[in-house]
Amino acid sequence: MKRDIVILTRSYKRGGLCVAGIDAKTGEWVRLVSSDVKSHGALTSRTASSFNVLDQVQVEIEEARPTPYQPENLLVDIKQRIIKTGTWNLEQVLNLHPAEDPDYIFVNTNRALSEKQMSETDGSLVLVHVDNFSITDIQRRHASFLYRGNSYYLSVTDPMYRGTSEETSLDSAYLVVSLPDEPYEENDPYYKFVAKVFPG
């Protein structure tokens, strides 16, 4: 089954890349995953080599592969090449999938969720508009920002910002924030990640 996807994240994930976006027709969230257990379902750099963020791609999907905490997952047929078919801009994305407006970014203002709090989520991806975005802690690669008047301090996995050696400051930005399917280590909480930063 072929799906047309607009890529919104191509971020670092243990063992590979976290690739997610929206359906080019419906605007619904999708996350592209592999069956590789060692990489925890991440796509390899080779599989994701043909596209960048904001590209529209055509992907061969083997099946939906939802999990309790990542209902958006689609299993990619890695034998088939992912084909770039166009490029979008942020305005076009927002016309199809406007920024979401929950009271909190995933349940609370903390950096992570407990197992019980994870059960209160209904998805693992959100696009939000934030103010006063800054990355000043280069070594730890965390960002601080304001959302609905509340302060947040989250890890950044966006390669454009995670790899920089300079401080970053934006008056406002659109962020794709992601939740993992499982903790990084056993007994860890479920950390939130800023998977993509769009100035704006």
N, C-alpha and C. Protein backbone atom coordinates (compact mmCIF):
# COMPACT_ATOMS: atom_id res chain seq x y z
N MET A 1 0.84 -1.19 0.00
CA MET A 1 0.00 0.00 0.00
C MET A 1 0.88 1.25 0.00
N LYS A 2 0.67 2.11 -0.97
CA LYS A 2 1.46 3.32 -1.06
C LYS A 2 0.79 4.45 -0.26
N ARG A 3 1.60 5.25 0.43
CA ARG A 3 1.10 6.42 1.16
C ARG A 3 1.96 7.62 0.80
N ASP A 4 1.30 8.76 0.63
CA ASP A 4 2.01 10.01 0.38
C ASP A 4 2.12 10.76 1.70
N ILE A 5 3.36 11.02 2.12
CA ILE A 5 3.65 11.57 3.43
C ILE A 5 4.48 12.85 3.30
N VAL A 6 4.15 13.87 4.10
CA VAL A 6 4.98 15.06 4.21
C VAL A 6 5.85 14.87 5.45
N ILE A 7 7.15 14.85 5.27
CA ILE A 7 8.08 14.56 6.36
C ILE A 7 8.23 15.78 7.26
N LEU A 8 8.02 15.60 8.56
CA LEU A 8 8.19 16.69 9.53
C LEU A 8 9.31 16.43 10.53
N THR A 9 9.73 15.20 10.68
CA THR A 9 10.88 14.91 11.54
C THR A 9 11.79 13.90 10.87
N ARG A 10 13.05 14.13 11.03
CA ARG A 10 14.09 13.18 10.60
C ARG A 10 15.19 13.34 11.64
N SER A 11 14.89 12.88 12.83
CA SER A 11 15.70 13.23 14.00
C SER A 11 16.44 12.02 14.55
N TYR A 12 17.38 12.31 15.43
CA TYR A 12 18.19 11.25 16.02
C TYR A 12 17.34 10.35 16.90
N LYS A 13 17.57 9.06 16.75
CA LYS A 13 16.96 8.06 17.62
C LYS A 13 17.99 6.97 17.83
N ARG A 14 17.96 6.39 19.00
CA ARG A 14 18.92 5.33 19.31
C ARG A 14 18.91 4.26 18.21
N GLY A 15 20.04 4.12 17.52
CA GLY A 15 20.15 3.09 16.50
C GLY A 15 19.73 3.53 15.11
N GLY A 16 19.29 4.79 14.93
CA GLY A 16 18.86 5.21 13.59
C GLY A 16 18.18 6.56 13.62
N LEU A 17 17.12 6.68 12.82
CA LEU A 17 16.40 7.95 12.69
C LEU A 17 14.93 7.78 13.03
N CYS A 18 14.38 8.77 13.72
CA CYS A 18 12.94 8.84 13.96
C CYS A 18 12.35 9.68 12.83
N VAL A 19 11.52 9.06 12.01
CA VAL A 19 10.94 9.75 10.86
C VAL A 19 9.42 9.76 11.02
N ALA A 20 8.87 10.97 11.04
CA ALA A 20 7.42 11.12 11.20
C ALA A 20 6.94 12.29 10.36
N GLY A 21 5.65 12.34 10.13
CA GLY A 21 5.08 13.42 9.34
C GLY A 21 3.57 13.33 9.31
N ILE A 22 2.99 13.92 8.27
CA ILE A 22 1.54 13.89 8.13
C ILE A 22 1.17 13.31 6.77
N ASP A 23 0.01 12.67 6.73
CA ASP A 23 -0.53 12.19 5.46
C ASP A 23 -0.79 13.39 4.56
N ALA A 24 -0.32 13.35 3.32
CA ALA A 24 -0.41 14.50 2.43
C ALA A 24 -1.84 14.83 2.02
N LYS A 25 -2.76 13.91 2.24
CA LYS A 25 -4.17 14.16 1.89
C LYS A 25 -5.01 14.50 3.12
N THR A 26 -4.83 13.77 4.20
CA THR A 26 -5.71 13.92 5.37
C THR A 26 -5.11 14.78 6.47
N GLY A 27 -3.78 14.92 6.49
CA GLY A 27 -3.12 15.67 7.55
C GLY A 27 -2.92 14.89 8.83
N GLU A 28 -3.32 13.61 8.86
CA GLU A 28 -3.16 12.83 10.09
C GLU A 28 -1.70 12.48 10.32
N TRP A 29 -1.33 12.35 11.60
CA TRP A 29 0.04 11.98 11.97
C TRP A 29 0.37 10.56 11.51
N VAL A 30 1.60 10.37 11.06
CA VAL A 30 2.12 9.03 10.78
C VAL A 30 3.58 8.98 11.24
N ARG A 31 3.99 7.84 11.68
CA ARG A 31 5.39 7.61 12.04
C ARG A 31 5.86 6.39 11.25
N LEU A 32 6.96 6.54 10.52
CA LEU A 32 7.48 5.46 9.70
C LEU A 32 8.47 4.64 10.52
N VAL A 33 8.23 3.33 10.61
CA VAL A 33 9.06 2.48 11.45
C VAL A 33 9.52 1.26 10.66
N SER A 34 10.58 0.63 11.17
CA SER A 34 11.09 -0.61 10.61
C SER A 34 10.81 -1.75 11.59
N SER A 35 11.12 -2.96 11.15
CA SER A 35 10.94 -4.12 12.02
C SER A 35 12.23 -4.49 12.75
N ASP A 36 13.23 -3.61 12.68
CA ASP A 36 14.53 -3.88 13.30
C ASP A 36 14.45 -3.70 14.82
N VAL A 37 14.57 -4.79 15.53
CA VAL A 37 14.46 -4.76 16.99
C VAL A 37 15.64 -4.02 17.61
N LYS A 38 16.84 -4.20 17.05
CA LYS A 38 18.02 -3.57 17.63
C LYS A 38 17.95 -2.06 17.60
N SER A 39 17.34 -1.50 16.57
CA SER A 39 17.24 -0.04 16.47
C SER A 39 15.93 0.48 17.05
N HIS A 40 15.16 -0.41 17.69
CA HIS A 40 13.89 -0.03 18.31
C HIS A 40 12.94 0.58 17.28
N GLY A 41 12.95 0.00 16.08
CA GLY A 41 12.02 0.43 15.05
C GLY A 41 12.45 1.64 14.25
N ALA A 42 13.66 2.14 14.49
CA ALA A 42 14.13 3.32 13.75
C ALA A 42 14.41 2.96 12.30
N LEU A 43 14.36 3.97 11.42
CA LEU A 43 14.80 3.80 10.05
C LEU A 43 16.30 4.05 9.99
N THR A 44 16.99 3.38 9.08
CA THR A 44 18.42 3.62 8.91
C THR A 44 18.63 4.88 8.08
N SER A 45 19.84 5.43 8.18
CA SER A 45 20.18 6.60 7.37
C SER A 45 20.08 6.26 5.88
N ARG A 46 20.38 5.04 5.53
CA ARG A 46 20.30 4.63 4.12
C ARG A 46 18.85 4.63 3.65
N THR A 47 17.95 4.09 4.45
CA THR A 47 16.54 4.06 4.07
C THR A 47 15.98 5.47 3.92
N ALA A 48 16.46 6.38 4.76
CA ALA A 48 15.95 7.75 4.77
C ALA A 48 16.82 8.72 4.00
N SER A 49 17.67 8.21 3.10
CA SER A 49 18.65 9.05 2.42
C SER A 49 18.06 9.90 1.30
N SER A 50 16.87 9.55 0.82
CA SER A 50 16.33 10.20 -0.37
C SER A 50 15.47 11.42 -0.07
N PHE A 51 15.33 11.80 1.19
CA PHE A 51 14.43 12.91 1.52
C PHE A 51 14.91 13.68 2.74
N ASN A 52 14.36 14.88 2.88
CA ASN A 52 14.61 15.74 4.03
C ASN A 52 13.28 16.21 4.61
N VAL A 53 13.36 16.94 5.71
CA VAL A 53 12.16 17.51 6.32
C VAL A 53 11.49 18.47 5.32
N LEU A 54 10.17 18.41 5.28
CA LEU A 54 9.28 19.17 4.40
C LEU A 54 9.21 18.61 2.97
N ASP A 55 9.91 17.52 2.71
CA ASP A 55 9.71 16.83 1.44
C ASP A 55 8.44 15.98 1.50
N GLN A 56 7.74 15.91 0.37
CA GLN A 56 6.66 14.93 0.25
C GLN A 56 7.24 13.69 -0.38
N VAL A 57 6.93 12.54 0.19
CA VAL A 57 7.47 11.28 -0.30
C VAL A 57 6.36 10.27 -0.50
N GLN A 58 6.63 9.32 -1.38
CA GLN A 58 5.74 8.18 -1.56
C GLN A 58 6.42 6.96 -0.94
N VAL A 59 5.71 6.31 -0.01
CA VAL A 59 6.28 5.22 0.77
C VAL A 59 5.42 3.98 0.60
N GLU A 60 6.08 2.85 0.42
CA GLU A 60 5.37 1.57 0.38
C GLU A 60 5.23 1.07 1.83
N ILE A 61 4.01 0.92 2.28
CA ILE A 61 3.71 0.51 3.65
C ILE A 61 3.28 -0.95 3.67
N GLU A 62 3.91 -1.74 4.52
CA GLU A 62 3.51 -3.15 4.65
C GLU A 62 2.22 -3.28 5.44
N GLU A 63 2.14 -2.54 6.54
CA GLU A 63 0.94 -2.60 7.38
C GLU A 63 1.02 -1.54 8.46
N ALA A 64 -0.12 -1.23 9.05
CA ALA A 64 -0.12 -0.40 10.25
C ALA A 64 0.50 -1.21 11.37
N ARG A 65 1.34 -0.57 12.20
CA ARG A 65 2.00 -1.26 13.29
C ARG A 65 1.86 -0.44 14.58
N PRO A 66 0.61 -0.18 15.01
CA PRO A 66 0.41 0.64 16.21
C PRO A 66 0.89 -0.07 17.46
N THR A 67 1.33 0.71 18.43
CA THR A 67 1.65 0.21 19.76
C THR A 67 0.80 1.00 20.75
N PRO A 68 0.74 0.59 22.00
CA PRO A 68 -0.09 1.33 22.96
C PRO A 68 0.25 2.80 23.07
N TYR A 69 1.53 3.16 22.89
CA TYR A 69 1.92 4.56 23.06
C TYR A 69 2.27 5.25 21.75
N GLN A 70 2.34 4.51 20.66
CA GLN A 70 2.60 5.10 19.35
C GLN A 70 1.59 4.55 18.33
N PRO A 71 0.35 5.03 18.40
CA PRO A 71 -0.68 4.51 17.50
C PRO A 71 -0.49 4.91 16.04
N GLU A 72 0.44 5.84 15.78
CA GLU A 72 0.63 6.35 14.42
C GLU A 72 1.56 5.49 13.57
N ASN A 73 2.16 4.46 14.14
CA ASN A 73 3.22 3.72 13.47
C ASN A 73 2.77 2.98 12.21
N LEU A 74 3.55 3.16 11.13
CA LEU A 74 3.35 2.42 9.90
C LEU A 74 4.65 1.70 9.56
N LEU A 75 4.55 0.41 9.27
CA LEU A 75 5.74 -0.39 8.96
C LEU A 75 6.12 -0.20 7.50
N VAL A 76 7.34 0.28 7.28
CA VAL A 76 7.84 0.56 5.93
C VAL A 76 8.39 -0.71 5.29
N ASP A 77 8.07 -0.90 4.02
CA ASP A 77 8.70 -1.97 3.25
C ASP A 77 10.08 -1.46 2.82
N ILE A 78 11.11 -1.85 3.55
CA ILE A 78 12.44 -1.29 3.30
C ILE A 78 13.06 -1.81 2.01
N LYS A 79 12.43 -2.80 1.37
CA LYS A 79 12.93 -3.28 0.07
C LYS A 79 12.57 -2.30 -1.05
N GLN A 80 11.59 -1.45 -0.78
CA GLN A 80 11.16 -0.46 -1.77
C GLN A 80 11.74 0.91 -1.43
N ARG A 81 12.24 1.60 -2.41
CA ARG A 81 12.84 2.92 -2.20
C ARG A 81 11.76 3.95 -1.87
N ILE A 82 12.05 4.80 -0.90
CA ILE A 82 11.16 5.93 -0.60
C ILE A 82 11.44 7.02 -1.62
N ILE A 83 10.40 7.46 -2.34
CA ILE A 83 10.58 8.36 -3.47
C ILE A 83 10.09 9.76 -3.12
N LYS A 84 10.96 10.74 -3.29
CA LYS A 84 10.56 12.13 -3.10
C LYS A 84 9.70 12.57 -4.28
N THR A 85 8.53 13.17 -3.99
CA THR A 85 7.62 13.59 -5.05
C THR A 85 7.34 15.09 -5.03
N GLY A 86 7.89 15.81 -4.05
CA GLY A 86 7.65 17.25 -3.99
C GLY A 86 8.23 17.83 -2.72
N THR A 87 8.04 19.12 -2.55
CA THR A 87 8.50 19.81 -1.35
C THR A 87 7.42 20.79 -0.90
N TRP A 88 7.15 20.83 0.40
CA TRP A 88 6.18 21.74 0.99
C TRP A 88 6.92 22.83 1.73
N ASN A 89 6.18 23.89 2.10
CA ASN A 89 6.70 24.85 3.05
C ASN A 89 5.85 24.79 4.32
N LEU A 90 6.30 25.46 5.36
CA LEU A 90 5.61 25.37 6.65
C LEU A 90 4.18 25.88 6.56
N GLU A 91 3.95 26.93 5.77
CA GLU A 91 2.60 27.47 5.64
C GLU A 91 1.64 26.43 5.06
N GLN A 92 2.10 25.68 4.08
CA GLN A 92 1.26 24.63 3.50
C GLN A 92 0.96 23.54 4.53
N VAL A 93 1.97 23.18 5.32
CA VAL A 93 1.75 22.18 6.37
C VAL A 93 0.69 22.66 7.35
N LEU A 94 0.81 23.92 7.79
CA LEU A 94 -0.13 24.45 8.78
C LEU A 94 -1.53 24.60 8.22
N ASN A 95 -1.67 24.80 6.92
CA ASN A 95 -3.00 24.85 6.31
C ASN A 95 -3.69 23.50 6.37
N LEU A 96 -2.90 22.43 6.22
CA LEU A 96 -3.47 21.07 6.27
C LEU A 96 -3.56 20.55 7.70
N HIS A 97 -2.56 20.87 8.50
CA HIS A 97 -2.48 20.38 9.88
C HIS A 97 -2.12 21.55 10.79
N PRO A 98 -3.10 22.35 11.21
CA PRO A 98 -2.79 23.51 12.07
C PRO A 98 -2.13 23.07 13.37
N ALA A 99 -1.39 24.01 13.96
CA ALA A 99 -0.77 23.73 15.26
C ALA A 99 -1.85 23.31 16.26
N GLU A 100 -1.53 22.32 17.05
CA GLU A 100 -2.46 21.84 18.06
C GLU A 100 -2.40 22.72 19.31
N ASP A 101 -3.43 22.64 20.14
CA ASP A 101 -3.54 23.58 21.25
C ASP A 101 -3.98 22.90 22.55
N PRO A 102 -3.28 21.82 22.95
CA PRO A 102 -3.65 21.19 24.22
C PRO A 102 -3.26 22.08 25.40
N ASP A 103 -3.85 21.83 26.56
CA ASP A 103 -3.49 22.60 27.75
C ASP A 103 -2.02 22.45 28.09
N TYR A 104 -1.51 21.24 27.94
CA TYR A 104 -0.11 20.94 28.23
C TYR A 104 0.46 20.10 27.09
N ILE A 105 1.76 20.16 26.93
CA ILE A 105 2.41 19.29 25.95
C ILE A 105 2.59 17.92 26.59
N PHE A 106 1.69 17.03 26.26
CA PHE A 106 1.67 15.68 26.83
C PHE A 106 1.54 15.70 28.36
N VAL A 107 0.34 16.01 28.80
CA VAL A 107 -0.12 15.77 30.17
C VAL A 107 0.39 16.78 31.20
N ASN A 108 1.68 17.16 31.12
CA ASN A 108 2.24 18.02 32.18
C ASN A 108 3.33 18.92 31.59
N THR A 109 3.98 19.69 32.47
CA THR A 109 5.08 20.56 32.02
C THR A 109 6.44 19.95 32.30
N ASN A 110 6.48 18.71 32.74
CA ASN A 110 7.74 18.05 33.08
C ASN A 110 8.45 17.54 31.83
N ARG A 111 9.69 17.09 32.03
CA ARG A 111 10.48 16.56 30.92
C ARG A 111 10.05 15.15 30.53
N ALA A 112 9.31 14.47 31.42
CA ALA A 112 9.00 13.08 31.17
C ALA A 112 7.66 12.70 31.78
N LEU A 113 7.17 11.53 31.36
CA LEU A 113 5.92 10.99 31.87
C LEU A 113 6.17 9.65 32.54
N SER A 114 5.37 9.36 33.53
CA SER A 114 5.39 8.04 34.15
C SER A 114 4.58 7.07 33.29
N GLU A 115 4.67 5.80 33.59
CA GLU A 115 3.88 4.79 32.87
C GLU A 115 2.40 5.11 32.98
N LYS A 116 1.95 5.50 34.15
CA LYS A 116 0.53 5.83 34.34
C LYS A 116 0.14 7.04 33.50
N GLN A 117 1.00 8.05 33.45
CA GLN A 117 0.69 9.24 32.66
C GLN A 117 0.69 8.94 31.17
N MET A 118 1.53 8.01 30.74
CA MET A 118 1.54 7.62 29.33
C MET A 118 0.18 7.07 28.90
N SER A 119 -0.50 6.42 29.81
CA SER A 119 -1.82 5.87 29.49
C SER A 119 -2.87 6.95 29.28
N GLU A 120 -2.54 8.18 29.66
CA GLU A 120 -3.46 9.30 29.48
C GLU A 120 -3.29 9.99 28.13
N THR A 121 -2.26 9.61 27.37
CA THR A 121 -2.03 10.22 26.06
C THR A 121 -2.81 9.47 24.99
N ASP A 122 -3.13 10.16 23.90
CA ASP A 122 -3.83 9.51 22.80
C ASP A 122 -3.03 9.55 21.51
N GLY A 123 -1.74 9.83 21.63
CA GLY A 123 -0.83 9.86 20.49
C GLY A 123 0.55 10.23 20.97
N SER A 124 1.53 10.07 20.08
CA SER A 124 2.92 10.31 20.49
C SER A 124 3.56 11.49 19.76
N LEU A 125 2.76 12.23 18.99
CA LEU A 125 3.29 13.36 18.23
C LEU A 125 2.37 14.56 18.36
N VAL A 126 2.96 15.73 18.48
CA VAL A 126 2.16 16.96 18.56
C VAL A 126 2.94 18.10 17.92
N LEU A 127 2.22 19.00 17.24
CA LEU A 127 2.81 20.20 16.64
C LEU A 127 2.26 21.40 17.41
N VAL A 128 3.14 22.15 18.05
CA VAL A 128 2.71 23.27 18.89
C VAL A 128 3.50 24.53 18.55
N HIS A 129 2.89 25.68 18.80
CA HIS A 129 3.55 26.97 18.63
C HIS A 129 3.99 27.46 20.00
N VAL A 130 5.27 27.82 20.12
CA VAL A 130 5.83 28.20 21.42
C VAL A 130 6.53 29.56 21.32
N ASP A 131 6.79 30.15 22.47
CA ASP A 131 7.49 31.43 22.55
C ASP A 131 8.80 31.27 23.31
N ASN A 132 9.70 32.23 23.09
CA ASN A 132 10.97 32.31 23.84
C ASN A 132 11.74 31.00 23.81
N PHE A 133 11.90 30.46 22.63
CA PHE A 133 12.64 29.20 22.47
C PHE A 133 14.13 29.48 22.52
N SER A 134 14.85 28.72 23.33
CA SER A 134 16.30 28.91 23.38
C SER A 134 17.01 27.61 23.74
N ILE A 135 18.19 27.47 23.16
CA ILE A 135 19.10 26.38 23.52
C ILE A 135 20.38 27.05 24.01
N THR A 136 20.57 27.01 25.30
CA THR A 136 21.76 27.62 25.89
C THR A 136 22.66 26.58 26.54
N ASP A 137 22.09 25.41 26.82
CA ASP A 137 22.85 24.32 27.43
C ASP A 137 23.34 23.40 26.32
N ILE A 138 24.43 23.80 25.64
CA ILE A 138 24.89 23.07 24.46
C ILE A 138 25.28 21.64 24.80
N GLN A 139 25.96 21.46 25.91
CA GLN A 139 26.47 20.13 26.26
C GLN A 139 25.33 19.14 26.48
N ARG A 140 24.28 19.58 27.16
CA ARG A 140 23.18 18.66 27.44
C ARG A 140 22.13 18.64 26.33
N ARG A 141 22.21 19.61 25.41
CA ARG A 141 21.33 19.65 24.24
C ARG A 141 19.86 19.67 24.65
N HIS A 142 19.53 20.62 25.50
CA HIS A 142 18.16 20.83 25.92
C HIS A 142 17.70 22.22 25.53
N ALA A 143 16.39 22.36 25.34
CA ALA A 143 15.81 23.66 24.99
C ALA A 143 14.80 24.07 26.04
N SER A 144 14.74 25.38 26.28
CA SER A 144 13.71 25.93 27.15
C SER A 144 12.78 26.78 26.29
N PHE A 145 11.51 26.84 26.66
CA PHE A 145 10.54 27.64 25.92
C PHE A 145 9.27 27.79 26.75
N LEU A 146 8.39 28.65 26.27
CA LEU A 146 7.09 28.88 26.92
C LEU A 146 5.98 28.36 26.02
N TYR A 147 5.04 27.66 26.64
CA TYR A 147 3.85 27.22 25.92
C TYR A 147 2.64 27.45 26.82
N ARG A 148 1.70 28.25 26.34
CA ARG A 148 0.50 28.62 27.11
C ARG A 148 0.87 29.16 28.49
N GLY A 149 1.96 29.93 28.56
CA GLY A 149 2.38 30.56 29.80
C GLY A 149 3.19 29.68 30.72
N ASN A 150 3.39 28.42 30.35
CA ASN A 150 4.16 27.49 31.19
C ASN A 150 5.55 27.28 30.61
N SER A 151 6.53 27.09 31.49
CA SER A 151 7.91 26.86 31.08
C SER A 151 8.17 25.37 30.87
N TYR A 152 8.92 25.08 29.80
CA TYR A 152 9.31 23.70 29.50
C TYR A 152 10.82 23.65 29.29
N TYR A 153 11.40 22.48 29.55
CA TYR A 153 12.84 22.25 29.36
C TYR A 153 12.98 20.82 28.86
N LEU A 154 13.13 20.66 27.52
CA LEU A 154 13.09 19.34 26.92
C LEU A 154 14.35 19.06 26.10
N SER A 155 14.65 17.78 25.95
CA SER A 155 15.77 17.34 25.13
C SER A 155 15.45 17.59 23.65
N VAL A 156 16.49 17.94 22.89
CA VAL A 156 16.34 18.22 21.46
C VAL A 156 17.03 17.12 20.65
N THR A 157 16.29 16.53 19.69
CA THR A 157 16.87 15.51 18.82
C THR A 157 16.91 15.95 17.36
N ASP A 158 16.50 17.18 17.08
CA ASP A 158 16.57 17.74 15.74
C ASP A 158 18.04 17.95 15.36
N PRO A 159 18.55 17.28 14.31
CA PRO A 159 19.97 17.40 13.97
C PRO A 159 20.42 18.83 13.66
N MET A 160 19.51 19.67 13.16
CA MET A 160 19.89 21.05 12.83
C MET A 160 20.22 21.87 14.07
N TYR A 161 19.69 21.46 15.22
CA TYR A 161 19.92 22.21 16.45
C TYR A 161 20.72 21.42 17.47
N ARG A 162 20.59 20.11 17.45
CA ARG A 162 21.33 19.30 18.41
C ARG A 162 22.83 19.34 18.15
N GLY A 163 23.24 19.44 16.90
CA GLY A 163 24.65 19.38 16.57
C GLY A 163 25.36 20.72 16.59
N THR A 164 24.62 21.80 16.86
CA THR A 164 25.23 23.12 16.79
C THR A 164 26.10 23.39 18.01
N SER A 165 27.14 24.19 17.81
CA SER A 165 28.00 24.58 18.93
C SER A 165 27.66 25.99 19.42
N GLU A 166 26.62 26.58 18.81
CA GLU A 166 26.22 27.93 19.17
C GLU A 166 24.89 27.93 19.91
N GLU A 167 24.71 28.95 20.73
CA GLU A 167 23.42 29.11 21.39
C GLU A 167 22.37 29.54 20.36
N THR A 168 21.13 29.14 20.59
CA THR A 168 20.03 29.46 19.70
C THR A 168 18.95 30.19 20.46
N SER A 169 18.42 31.24 19.87
CA SER A 169 17.34 31.98 20.51
C SER A 169 16.33 32.40 19.45
N LEU A 170 15.07 32.02 19.64
CA LEU A 170 13.99 32.36 18.72
C LEU A 170 12.83 32.97 19.50
N ASP A 171 12.29 34.07 18.99
CA ASP A 171 11.14 34.67 19.66
C ASP A 171 9.96 33.72 19.69
N SER A 172 9.78 32.97 18.60
CA SER A 172 8.71 31.98 18.55
C SER A 172 9.13 30.87 17.59
N ALA A 173 8.48 29.72 17.74
CA ALA A 173 8.81 28.57 16.89
C ALA A 173 7.65 27.59 16.90
N TYR A 174 7.60 26.79 15.86
CA TYR A 174 6.71 25.63 15.83
C TYR A 174 7.57 24.40 16.13
N LEU A 175 7.12 23.59 17.07
CA LEU A 175 7.87 22.41 17.47
C LEU A 175 7.07 21.14 17.23
N VAL A 176 7.74 20.11 16.73
CA VAL A 176 7.16 18.77 16.76
C VAL A 176 7.76 18.08 17.99
N VAL A 177 6.91 17.74 18.94
CA VAL A 177 7.35 17.06 20.16
C VAL A 177 6.88 15.61 20.09
N SER A 178 7.76 14.71 20.46
CA SER A 178 7.53 13.28 20.30
C SER A 178 7.71 12.53 21.61
N LEU A 179 6.98 11.43 21.72
CA LEU A 179 7.13 10.52 22.86
C LEU A 179 7.67 9.18 22.38
N PRO A 180 8.49 8.52 23.20
CA PRO A 180 9.01 7.21 22.83
C PRO A 180 7.98 6.11 23.09
N ASP A 181 8.26 4.96 22.49
CA ASP A 181 7.40 3.80 22.71
C ASP A 181 7.76 3.07 24.00
N GLU A 182 9.00 3.27 24.45
CA GLU A 182 9.47 2.62 25.67
C GLU A 182 10.54 3.49 26.30
N PRO A 183 10.81 3.33 27.59
CA PRO A 183 11.86 4.14 28.23
C PRO A 183 13.23 3.82 27.65
N TYR A 184 14.16 4.78 27.76
CA TYR A 184 15.52 4.57 27.26
C TYR A 184 16.19 3.44 28.03
N GLU A 185 16.04 3.43 29.32
CA GLU A 185 16.54 2.36 30.17
C GLU A 185 15.39 1.83 31.03
N GLU A 186 15.50 0.59 31.45
CA GLU A 186 14.47 0.02 32.30
C GLU A 186 14.30 0.87 33.56
N ASN A 187 13.06 1.10 33.92
CA ASN A 187 12.68 1.90 35.10
C ASN A 187 12.84 3.40 34.90
N ASP A 188 13.30 3.83 33.71
CA ASP A 188 13.33 5.25 33.40
C ASP A 188 11.91 5.73 33.12
N PRO A 189 11.66 7.05 33.25
CA PRO A 189 10.39 7.59 32.77
C PRO A 189 10.43 7.70 31.24
N TYR A 190 9.34 8.14 30.65
CA TYR A 190 9.24 8.31 29.20
C TYR A 190 9.53 9.78 28.88
N TYR A 191 10.72 10.05 28.36
CA TYR A 191 11.14 11.43 28.12
C TYR A 191 10.50 11.99 26.85
N LYS A 192 10.13 13.27 26.90
CA LYS A 192 9.64 13.99 25.74
C LYS A 192 10.84 14.52 24.95
N PHE A 193 10.69 14.56 23.61
CA PHE A 193 11.78 15.05 22.76
C PHE A 193 11.26 16.09 21.78
N VAL A 194 12.03 17.15 21.61
CA VAL A 194 11.77 18.11 20.54
C VAL A 194 12.43 17.54 19.28
N ALA A 195 11.59 16.94 18.42
CA ALA A 195 12.12 16.25 17.25
C ALA A 195 12.36 17.18 16.07
N LYS A 196 11.67 18.33 16.05
CA LYS A 196 11.88 19.28 14.97
C LYS A 196 11.56 20.69 15.46
N VAL A 197 12.39 21.63 15.03
CA VAL A 197 12.20 23.05 15.34
C VAL A 197 12.03 23.81 14.04
N PHE A 198 10.89 24.50 13.90
CA PHE A 198 10.64 25.37 12.75
C PHE A 198 10.57 26.80 13.27
N PRO A 199 11.53 27.67 12.95
CA PRO A 199 11.43 29.06 13.38
C PRO A 199 10.11 29.67 12.91
N GLY A 200 9.51 30.47 13.76
CA GLY A 200 8.23 31.07 13.36
C GLY A 200 7.35 31.37 14.51
